[in-house]
C-alpha atoms as a PDB file:
ATOM      1  CA  MET A   1     -19.327   0.120  15.217  1.00  0.00           C
ATOM      2  CA  ARG A   2     -18.899  -1.145  11.547  1.00  0.00           C
ATOM      3  CA  ASP A   3     -16.601  -2.652   9.512  1.00  0.00           C
ATOM      4  CA  ILE A   4     -15.063   0.319   7.257  1.00  0.00           C
ATOM      5  CA  SER A   5     -13.948  -1.275   4.226  1.00  0.00           C
ATOM      6  CA  GLY A   6     -13.529  -1.105  -0.109  1.00  0.00           C
ATOM      7  CA  TYR A   7     -11.695  -0.183  -3.424  1.00  0.00           C
ATOM      8  CA  ALA A   8     -11.467   2.249  -5.997  1.00  0.00           C
ATOM      9  CA  VAL A   9     -10.166   0.871  -9.345  1.00  0.00           C
ATOM     10  CA  SER A  10     -10.013   4.093 -11.127  1.00  0.00           C
ATOM     11  CA  THR A  11      -6.209   3.881 -12.448  1.00  0.00           C
ATOM     12  CA  LEU A  12      -6.163   0.285 -12.964  1.00  0.00           C
ATOM     13  CA  PRO A  13      -9.817  -2.008 -13.023  1.00  0.00           C
ATOM     14  CA  GLU A  14      -7.205  -5.145 -13.319  1.00  0.00           C
ATOM     15  CA  PHE A  15      -6.233  -5.380  -9.847  1.00  0.00           C
ATOM     16  CA  SER A  16     -10.395  -5.740  -8.396  1.00  0.00           C
ATOM     17  CA  ALA A  17      -9.762  -8.983  -7.411  1.00  0.00           C
ATOM     18  CA  VAL A  18      -6.403  -8.063  -6.009  1.00  0.00           C
ATOM     19  CA  LEU A  19      -7.586  -5.210  -4.050  1.00  0.00           C
ATOM     20  CA  ARG A  20     -10.347  -7.780  -2.564  1.00  0.00           C
ATOM     21  CA  GLN A  21      -8.607 -10.738  -1.852  1.00  0.00           C
ATOM     22  CA  TRP A  22      -5.471  -7.744   0.071  1.00  0.00           C
ATOM     23  CA  ILE A  23      -8.699  -6.853   2.035  1.00  0.00           C
ATOM     24  CA  ASN A  24      -9.868 -10.068   3.491  1.00  0.00           C
ATOM     25  CA  ALA A  25      -5.336 -10.957   4.399  1.00  0.00           C
ATOM     26  CA  ASN A  26      -5.157  -8.486   6.301  1.00  0.00           C
ATOM     27  CA  GLU A  27      -8.555  -9.579   8.189  1.00  0.00           C
ATOM     28  CA  THR A  28      -7.875 -12.696   7.967  1.00  0.00           C
ATOM     29  CA  TYR A  29      -4.647 -12.671   9.516  1.00  0.00           C
ATOM     30  CA  CYS A  30      -6.099 -10.582  12.618  1.00  0.00           C
ATOM     31  CA  GLU A  31      -8.851 -12.730  13.460  1.00  0.00           C
ATOM     32  CA  ILE A  32      -6.404 -15.850  13.439  1.00  0.00           C
ATOM     33  CA  SER A  33      -4.302 -13.916  16.154  1.00  0.00           C
ATOM     34  CA  ASN A  34      -8.187 -12.792  17.496  1.00  0.00           C
ATOM     35  CA  TRP A  35      -7.562  -9.557  16.667  1.00  0.00           C
ATOM     36  CA  GLY A  36      -4.428  -9.169  19.534  1.00  0.00           C
ATOM     37  CA  ASP A  37      -2.085  -8.239  16.321  1.00  0.00           C
ATOM     38  CA  VAL A  38      -2.606  -6.595  12.767  1.00  0.00           C
ATOM     39  CA  PRO A  39      -0.549  -6.710   9.509  1.00  0.00           C
ATOM     40  CA  TRP A  40       0.169  -3.267   9.240  1.00  0.00           C
ATOM     41  CA  GLY A  41       1.640  -2.869  12.238  1.00  0.00           C
ATOM     42  CA  TYR A  42       4.954  -3.380  11.002  1.00  0.00           C
ATOM     43  CA  ASN A  43       7.575  -2.101   8.360  1.00  0.00           C
ATOM     44  CA  GLU A  44       7.473  -1.853   4.629  1.00  0.00           C
ATOM     45  CA  ARG A  45       8.094  -5.715   3.913  1.00  0.00           C
ATOM     46  CA  ALA A  46       4.755  -7.546   6.266  1.00  0.00           C
ATOM     47  CA  SER A  47       3.172  -4.742   4.175  1.00  0.00           C
ATOM     48  CA  LEU A  48       3.982  -6.264   1.422  1.00  0.00           C
ATOM     49  CA  SER A  49       4.213  -9.825   2.063  1.00  0.00           C
ATOM     50  CA  THR A  50       0.557  -8.783   2.766  1.00  0.00           C
ATOM     51  CA  PHE A  51      -0.380  -7.711  -0.765  1.00  0.00           C
ATOM     52  CA  ALA A  52       1.475 -10.117  -2.311  1.00  0.00           C
ATOM     53  CA  ALA A  53      -0.313 -12.400  -0.783  1.00  0.00           C
ATOM     54  CA  ALA A  54      -3.375 -10.830  -2.001  1.00  0.00           C
ATOM     55  CA  VAL A  55      -1.664 -11.501  -5.824  1.00  0.00           C
ATOM     56  CA  TRP A  56      -1.955 -15.136  -5.505  1.00  0.00           C
ATOM     57  CA  LEU A  57      -5.298 -15.565  -3.534  1.00  0.00           C
ATOM     58  CA  SER A  58      -6.212 -13.849  -6.857  1.00  0.00           C
ATOM     59  CA  GLY A  59      -4.777 -17.025  -9.047  1.00  0.00           C
ATOM     60  CA  ALA A  60      -2.332 -14.227 -10.301  1.00  0.00           C
ATOM     61  CA  ILE A  61       1.875 -14.095  -9.308  1.00  0.00           C
ATOM     62  CA  ALA A  62       4.263 -12.302  -7.756  1.00  0.00           C
ATOM     63  CA  LEU A  63       7.722 -12.214  -7.294  1.00  0.00           C
ATOM     64  CA  GLU A  64       8.381 -10.484  -3.771  1.00  0.00           C
ATOM     65  CA  GLU A  65      12.686  -8.503  -3.401  1.00  0.00           C
ATOM     66  CA  TYR A  66      14.508  -9.554  -6.367  1.00  0.00           C
ATOM     67  CA  VAL A  67      17.778  -8.295  -7.895  1.00  0.00           C
ATOM     68  CA  GLU A  68      16.836  -6.458 -10.706  1.00  0.00           C
ATOM     69  CA  GLU A  69      18.898  -4.090 -12.743  1.00  0.00           C
ATOM     70  CA  LYS A  70      18.584   0.295 -12.089  1.00  0.00           C
ATOM     71  CA  ASP A  71      18.643   3.124 -14.542  1.00  0.00           C
ATOM     72  CA  ARG A  72      19.995   6.663 -12.328  1.00  0.00           C
ATOM     73  CA  ALA A  73      20.524   9.736 -15.381  1.00  0.00           C
ATOM     74  CA  GLY A  74      24.032  10.560 -15.096  1.00  0.00           C
ATOM     75  CA  SER A  75      25.527  13.504 -15.864  1.00  0.00           C
ATOM     76  CA  ALA A  76      26.945  12.966 -18.453  1.00  0.00           C
ATOM     77  CA  MET A  77      25.732  13.326 -21.993  1.00  0.00           C
ATOM     78  CA  GLY A  78      22.343  12.528 -20.674  1.00  0.00           C
ATOM     79  CA  ARG A  79      23.868   8.911 -20.325  1.00  0.00           C
ATOM     80  CA  LYS A  80      22.292   6.547 -17.823  1.00  0.00           C
ATOM     81  CA  LYS A  81      24.156   5.193 -15.043  1.00  0.00           C
ATOM     82  CA  GLN A  82      23.937   1.217 -13.728  1.00  0.00           C
ATOM     83  CA  ARG A  83      23.638  -0.289 -10.963  1.00  0.00           C
ATOM     84  CA  LYS A  84      22.480  -3.671  -9.147  1.00  0.00           C
ATOM     85  CA  GLY A  85      19.783  -3.470  -6.725  1.00  0.00           C
ATOM     86  CA  ARG A  86      16.017  -5.405  -6.182  1.00  0.00           C
ATOM     87  CA  CYS A  87      13.070  -4.305  -6.964  1.00  0.00           C
ATOM     88  CA  ASP A  88       9.945  -4.389  -4.739  1.00  0.00           C
ATOM     89  CA  LEU A  89       7.023  -6.552  -6.252  1.00  0.00           C
ATOM     90  CA  TYR A  90       6.801  -8.746 -10.084  1.00  0.00           C
ATOM     91  CA  VAL A  91       3.320  -9.388 -10.915  1.00  0.00           C
ATOM     92  CA  ASP A  92       1.944 -11.194 -13.755  1.00  0.00           C
ATOM     93  CA  LEU A  93      -1.973 -10.902 -13.548  1.00  0.00           C
ATOM     94  CA  GLN A  94      -1.776 -14.152 -16.094  1.00  0.00           C
ATOM     95  CA  GLY A  95      -4.055 -13.314 -18.668  1.00  0.00           C
ATOM     96  CA  LYS A  96      -3.928  -9.752 -19.506  1.00  0.00           C
ATOM     97  CA  ARG A  97      -1.437  -8.358 -21.705  1.00  0.00           C
ATOM     98  CA  ARG A  98       1.102  -6.780 -19.355  1.00  0.00           C
ATOM     99  CA  ALA A  99       3.183  -7.566 -15.772  1.00  0.00           C
ATOM    100  CA  TYR A 100       3.964  -4.949 -13.490  1.00  0.00           C
ATOM    101  CA  ILE A 101       6.781  -3.820 -11.395  1.00  0.00           C
ATOM    102  CA  MET A 102       6.435  -2.428  -8.473  1.00  0.00           C
ATOM    103  CA  GLU A 103       8.206  -0.042  -5.956  1.00  0.00           C
ATOM    104  CA  ALA A 104       6.945   0.047  -2.431  1.00  0.00           C
ATOM    105  CA  LYS A 105       6.674   2.341   0.610  1.00  0.00           C
ATOM    106  CA  ILE A 106       4.979   2.433   3.841  1.00  0.00           C
ATOM    107  CA  LEU A 107       3.560   5.899   6.151  1.00  0.00           C
ATOM    108  CA  TRP A 108       1.999   6.259   9.442  1.00  0.00           C
ATOM    109  CA  PRO A 109       0.183   9.520   9.301  1.00  0.00           C
ATOM    110  CA  SER A 110      -1.508  10.739  12.163  1.00  0.00           C
ATOM    111  CA  LEU A 111      -5.294  11.292  10.902  1.00  0.00           C
ATOM    112  CA  GLU A 112      -5.869  14.634  13.431  1.00  0.00           C
ATOM    113  CA  THR A 113      -3.524  16.187  11.222  1.00  0.00           C
ATOM    114  CA  CYS A 114      -4.141  18.991   8.523  1.00  0.00           C
ATOM    115  CA  ASP A 115      -2.100  18.140   6.045  1.00  0.00           C
ATOM    116  CA  TRP A 116      -1.121  14.391   6.313  1.00  0.00           C
ATOM    117  CA  GLU A 117      -2.692  13.869   2.288  1.00  0.00           C
ATOM    118  CA  ARG A 118       0.723  15.789   1.154  1.00  0.00           C
ATOM    119  CA  PRO A 119       3.320  13.496   2.933  1.00  0.00           C
ATOM    120  CA  LEU A 120       0.854  10.863   1.606  1.00  0.00           C
ATOM    121  CA  LEU A 121       1.425  11.497  -1.987  1.00  0.00           C
ATOM    122  CA  LYS A 122       4.991  13.202  -2.164  1.00  0.00           C
ATOM    123  CA  THR A 123       5.929   8.880  -0.389  1.00  0.00           C
ATOM    124  CA  LEU A 124       3.860   7.575  -2.662  1.00  0.00           C
ATOM    125  CA  ASN A 125       5.399   9.876  -5.888  1.00  0.00           C
ATOM    126  CA  LYS A 126       8.575   8.705  -4.254  1.00  0.00           C
ATOM    127  CA  ALA A 127       8.080   5.009  -4.731  1.00  0.00           C
ATOM    128  CA  ARG A 128       7.072   6.371  -8.575  1.00  0.00           C
ATOM    129  CA  GLY A 129       9.717   7.647  -9.387  1.00  0.00           C
ATOM    130  CA  GLU A 130      12.012   4.373  -7.502  1.00  0.00           C
ATOM    131  CA  ALA A 131       9.772   1.875  -9.699  1.00  0.00           C
ATOM    132  CA  LYS A 132      11.074   4.333 -13.057  1.00  0.00           C
ATOM    133  CA  GLU A 133      14.710   3.202 -12.176  1.00  0.00           C
ATOM    134  CA  THR A 134      14.112  -0.200 -12.105  1.00  0.00           C
ATOM    135  CA  ARG A 135      14.806  -2.024 -15.322  1.00  0.00           C
ATOM    136  CA  ALA A 136      11.839  -3.576 -17.676  1.00  0.00           C
ATOM    137  CA  HIS A 137      12.039  -6.738 -20.011  1.00  0.00           C
ATOM    138  CA  ASN A 138       8.894  -7.375 -20.927  1.00  0.00           C
ATOM    139  CA  ASN A 139       7.549  -3.827 -21.259  1.00  0.00           C
ATOM    140  CA  GLU A 140       6.380  -4.611 -17.728  1.00  0.00           C
ATOM    141  CA  LYS A 141       3.765  -1.469 -16.391  1.00  0.00           C
ATOM    142  CA  LYS A 142       5.656   0.411 -13.513  1.00  0.00           C
ATOM    143  CA  VAL A 143       3.311   1.386 -10.470  1.00  0.00           C
ATOM    144  CA  GLY A 144       3.992   2.873  -7.147  1.00  0.00           C
ATOM    145  CA  LEU A 145       2.722   1.445  -4.209  1.00  0.00           C
ATOM    146  CA  LEU A 146       2.046   2.811  -1.040  1.00  0.00           C
ATOM    147  CA  PHE A 147       0.901   1.362   2.236  1.00  0.00           C
ATOM    148  CA  VAL A 148      -0.332   3.791   4.725  1.00  0.00           C
ATOM    149  CA  SER A 149      -0.883   2.989   8.441  1.00  0.00           C
ATOM    150  CA  PRO A 150      -2.631   5.635  10.210  1.00  0.00           C
ATOM    151  CA  TYR A 151      -2.863   6.602  13.628  1.00  0.00           C
ATOM    152  CA  ILE A 152      -4.874   8.603  16.126  1.00  0.00           C
ATOM    153  CA  ARG A 153      -5.370   9.532  20.336  1.00  0.00           C
ATOM    154  CA  ASN A 154      -7.093   6.001  22.067  1.00  0.00           C
ATOM    155  CA  SER A 155      -8.613   8.616  23.892  1.00  0.00           C
ATOM    156  CA  LYS A 156     -12.988   8.552  23.690  1.00  0.00           C
ATOM    157  CA  ASP A 157     -12.352  11.957  23.078  1.00  0.00           C
ATOM    158  CA  SER A 158     -10.558  11.068  19.246  1.00  0.00           C
ATOM    159  CA  PRO A 159     -12.888  11.479  16.229  1.00  0.00           C
ATOM    160  CA  VAL A 160     -11.579   8.197  14.999  1.00  0.00           C
ATOM    161  CA  GLU A 161     -14.534   6.875  12.498  1.00  0.00           C
ATOM    162  CA  LYS A 162     -14.671  10.586  11.648  1.00  0.00           C
ATOM    163  CA  SER A 163     -10.972  11.122  10.913  1.00  0.00           C
ATOM    164  CA  ILE A 164     -10.669   7.454   8.802  1.00  0.00           C
ATOM    165  CA  LEU A 165     -13.898   8.181   7.018  1.00  0.00           C
ATOM    166  CA  ASN A 166     -12.309  11.593   5.943  1.00  0.00           C
ATOM    167  CA  LEU A 167      -9.401   8.789   4.548  1.00  0.00           C
ATOM    168  CA  VAL A 168     -11.678   7.204   2.653  1.00  0.00           C
ATOM    169  CA  GLN A 169     -12.397  10.092   0.845  1.00  0.00           C
ATOM    170  CA  PHE A 170      -9.937  11.390  -0.060  1.00  0.00           C
ATOM    171  CA  LEU A 171      -9.041   8.039  -1.672  1.00  0.00           C
ATOM    172  CA  ARG A 172     -11.780   7.666  -3.639  1.00  0.00           C
ATOM    173  CA  SER A 173     -11.603  11.577  -4.986  1.00  0.00           C
ATOM    174  CA  ARG A 174      -8.307  10.634  -6.487  1.00  0.00           C
ATOM    175  CA  LYS A 175      -8.625   9.737 -10.366  1.00  0.00           C
ATOM    176  CA  ASP A 176      -5.421   8.857 -10.683  1.00  0.00           C
ATOM    177  CA  THR A 177      -4.827   6.420  -8.632  1.00  0.00           C
ATOM    178  CA  CYS A 178      -5.984   3.112  -7.450  1.00  0.00           C
ATOM    179  CA  SER A 179      -6.404   1.727  -3.997  1.00  0.00           C
ATOM    180  CA  ALA A 180      -8.426  -0.129  -1.125  1.00  0.00           C
ATOM    181  CA  TRP A 181      -8.762   0.401   2.793  1.00  0.00           C
ATOM    182  CA  THR A 182      -9.785  -1.631   5.733  1.00  0.00           C
ATOM    183  CA  PHE A 183     -10.804  -0.610   8.850  1.00  0.00           C
ATOM    184  CA  PRO A 184     -12.473  -3.448  10.571  1.00  0.00           C
ATOM    185  CA  ALA A 185     -15.062  -3.016  13.432  1.00  0.00           C
ATOM    186  CA  GLY A 186     -12.140  -5.898  15.146  1.00  0.00           C
ATOM    187  CA  SER A 187      -9.409  -3.844  14.848  1.00  0.00           C
ATOM    188  CA  ARG A 188     -10.407   0.019  16.236  1.00  0.00           C
ATOM    189  CA  GLY A 189      -9.344   0.453  19.703  1.00  0.00           C
ATOM    190  CA  PHE A 190      -6.362  -1.547  18.882  1.00  0.00           C
ATOM    191  CA  TYR A 191      -2.914  -0.229  20.152  1.00  0.00           C
ATOM    192  CA  TRP A 192       0.402  -1.718  21.114  1.00  0.00           C
ATOM    193  CA  ASP A 193       1.292  -2.742  24.743  1.00  0.00           C
ATOM    194  CA  SER A 194       5.126  -0.296  24.716  1.00  0.00           C
ATOM    195  CA  ASP A 195       2.835   2.192  23.534  1.00  0.00           C
ATOM    196  CA  LYS A 196      -0.640   2.660  24.498  1.00  0.00           C
ATOM    197  CA  ARG A 197      -1.170   6.348  23.674  1.00  0.00           C
ATOM    198  CA  TRP A 198      -2.615   5.796  20.150  1.00  0.00           C
ATOM    199  CA  LEU A 199      -4.408   3.581  17.903  1.00  0.00           C
ATOM    200  CA  TYR A 200      -3.465   1.928  14.236  1.00  0.00           C
ATOM    201  CA  PRO A 201      -7.348   0.827  13.228  1.00  0.00           C
ATOM    202  CA  GLY A 202      -6.636   0.194  10.260  1.00  0.00           C
ATOM    203  CA  THR A 203      -4.600   0.313   7.020  1.00  0.00           C
ATOM    204  CA  ALA A 204      -4.495   1.323   3.894  1.00  0.00           C
ATOM    205  CA  VAL A 205      -2.991   0.766  -0.291  1.00  0.00           C
ATOM    206  CA  LEU A 206      -2.696   2.890  -2.855  1.00  0.00           C
ATOM    207  CA  LEU A 207      -0.908   2.598  -6.700  1.00  0.00           C
ATOM    208  CA  MET A 208      -0.191   5.012  -9.177  1.00  0.00           C
ATOM    209  CA  PRO A 209       1.037   4.074 -12.491  1.00  0.00           C
ATOM    210  CA  LEU A 210       3.543   6.134 -14.380  1.00  0.00           C
END
């Protein structure tokens, strides 16, 4: 069994170092827990913290869950309605011309279904829509961020590696996104003790700018 990890940066090549560190951060967490826990098995906030850690490890800076104004189109004369909300993540790569505002979502798709691509893209576009509403102050680039934690049946007949490679092929084929994935050999058979029916072999992240 081999590690399956990598990244593709068609739209945001400046994030190469962040994505490499994101892969390392996920694998380091697993190693320190002796492969008894995985960071991608929790909620959106937990996955966001791993991504923010990767930003810092790459030499950039990040700020999570800060209060920010949101704009929504109003019904009268196209005016915008303003409200207070939270921005999931601010990233400044330092030395680049622009910083980034990111809104995040998480999705747990079954890799055994034939239509997991559709909800994946729908959820990513929802994140982009929320990023569009978030107020920018210094011409920050707005980005939708999606964490994907796929699962598959815990059975000797489950095509785990084939399913993972199908997902990787899909990620590589998307020219409108930037993505990374990690499916370490050590976590390929990971399941929660509370429900041993399903394996959670790894994770992926997608970034799509407006």
